[in-house]
Amino acid sequence: IVKRKEDDFNPSLRTGTIELETSALEILNLSKTLPFEIKRALKTNETTRFQYKFLDHRNQDVHRVIRNRHKVIKLIRDVLDAQ
């Protein structure tokens, strides 16, 4: 771990003042780039999000919306079942 040059600092990152340098690197497996950034899924084209729904569900905001929708529907069903 080495300190970055002052003109390379990234104040928006917690580790923005340091870098990891290596003398050797072994790549164990290659992967394709994701079709969209998971953290910014809500800003992505809706068609792309539906096509890659399994990635969309990794987003905490999307996950929270799905859980809240489940709770509301469950509450409605519980009330109707009691009737």
Protein backbone atom coordinates (compact mmCIF):
# COMPACT_ATOMS: atom_id res chain seq x y z
CA ILE A 1 0.00 0.00 0.00
CA VAL A 2 1.43 3.37 -1.03
CA LYS A 3 0.23 6.92 -0.67
CA ARG A 4 -1.21 8.50 -3.84
CA LYS A 5 0.21 11.65 -5.34
CA GLU A 6 -1.70 14.70 -4.17
CA ASP A 7 -3.15 15.37 -7.62
CA ASP A 8 -4.55 11.79 -7.67
CA PHE A 9 -6.39 12.00 -4.32
CA ASN A 10 -10.07 11.09 -4.46
CA PRO A 11 -11.78 12.77 -1.50
CA SER A 12 -15.10 11.04 -2.21
CA LEU A 13 -13.60 7.64 -1.32
CA ARG A 14 -12.57 6.54 2.15
CA THR A 15 -9.42 5.02 0.63
CA GLY A 16 -8.89 7.87 -1.81
CA THR A 17 -5.41 8.72 -0.51
CA ILE A 18 -3.84 5.27 -0.89
CA GLU A 19 -3.25 2.71 -3.64
CA LEU A 20 -2.34 -0.93 -3.77
CA GLU A 21 0.74 -1.71 -5.84
CA THR A 22 1.77 -5.20 -6.85
CA SER A 23 4.79 -6.79 -8.40
CA ALA A 24 2.86 -9.82 -9.74
CA LEU A 25 -0.76 -10.47 -10.60
CA GLU A 26 -2.50 -13.74 -11.46
CA ILE A 27 -5.99 -13.47 -12.96
CA LEU A 28 -8.00 -16.51 -11.92
CA ASN A 29 -11.16 -15.82 -13.87
CA LEU A 30 -12.35 -13.19 -16.34
CA SER A 31 -15.86 -11.79 -16.27
CA LYS A 32 -17.88 -9.56 -18.54
CA THR A 33 -18.75 -6.03 -17.50
CA LEU A 34 -22.21 -5.75 -15.93
CA PRO A 35 -24.87 -4.17 -18.15
CA PHE A 36 -25.46 -1.46 -15.51
CA GLU A 37 -24.05 -0.37 -12.17
CA ILE A 38 -26.05 -1.99 -9.37
CA LYS A 39 -25.89 1.07 -7.11
CA ARG A 40 -27.43 3.21 -9.87
CA ALA A 41 -30.01 0.70 -11.08
CA LEU A 42 -32.90 3.13 -10.62
CA LYS A 43 -31.28 5.51 -13.11
CA THR A 44 -30.89 2.77 -15.72
CA ASN A 45 -33.17 2.14 -18.68
CA GLU A 46 -36.18 0.14 -17.47
CA THR A 47 -35.96 -2.35 -20.35
CA THR A 48 -32.38 -3.20 -19.40
CA ARG A 49 -33.38 -3.56 -15.73
CA PHE A 50 -36.18 -6.00 -16.64
CA GLN A 51 -33.86 -7.99 -18.87
CA TYR A 52 -31.36 -8.36 -15.99
CA LYS A 53 -33.85 -8.58 -13.11
CA PHE A 54 -31.51 -10.81 -11.08
CA LEU A 55 -28.99 -7.95 -10.98
CA ASP A 56 -31.65 -5.34 -10.28
CA HIS A 57 -32.67 -7.20 -7.11
CA ARG A 58 -29.18 -6.75 -5.67
CA ASN A 59 -29.83 -3.01 -5.33
CA GLN A 60 -30.82 -2.14 -1.75
CA ASP A 61 -33.45 0.40 -2.85
CA VAL A 62 -35.13 -2.11 -5.15
CA HIS A 63 -34.90 -4.79 -2.45
CA ARG A 64 -36.53 -2.44 0.09
CA VAL A 65 -39.39 -1.60 -2.32
CA ILE A 66 -40.09 -5.29 -2.95
CA ARG A 67 -40.13 -6.07 0.79
CA ASN A 68 -42.44 -3.13 1.53
CA ARG A 69 -44.81 -4.18 -1.26
CA HIS A 70 -44.88 -7.69 0.19
CA LYS A 71 -45.74 -6.34 3.67
CA VAL A 72 -48.60 -4.21 2.35
CA ILE A 73 -50.08 -7.05 0.30
CA LYS A 74 -49.72 -9.43 3.27
CA LEU A 75 -51.50 -6.95 5.55
CA ILE A 76 -54.37 -6.62 3.07
CA ARG A 77 -54.68 -10.40 2.75
CA ASP A 78 -54.58 -10.86 6.53
CA VAL A 79 -57.40 -8.33 6.95
CA LEU A 80 -59.45 -9.96 4.20
CA ASP A 81 -58.84 -13.43 5.67
CA ALA A 82 -60.08 -12.21 9.05
CA GLN A 83 -63.32 -11.05 7.39
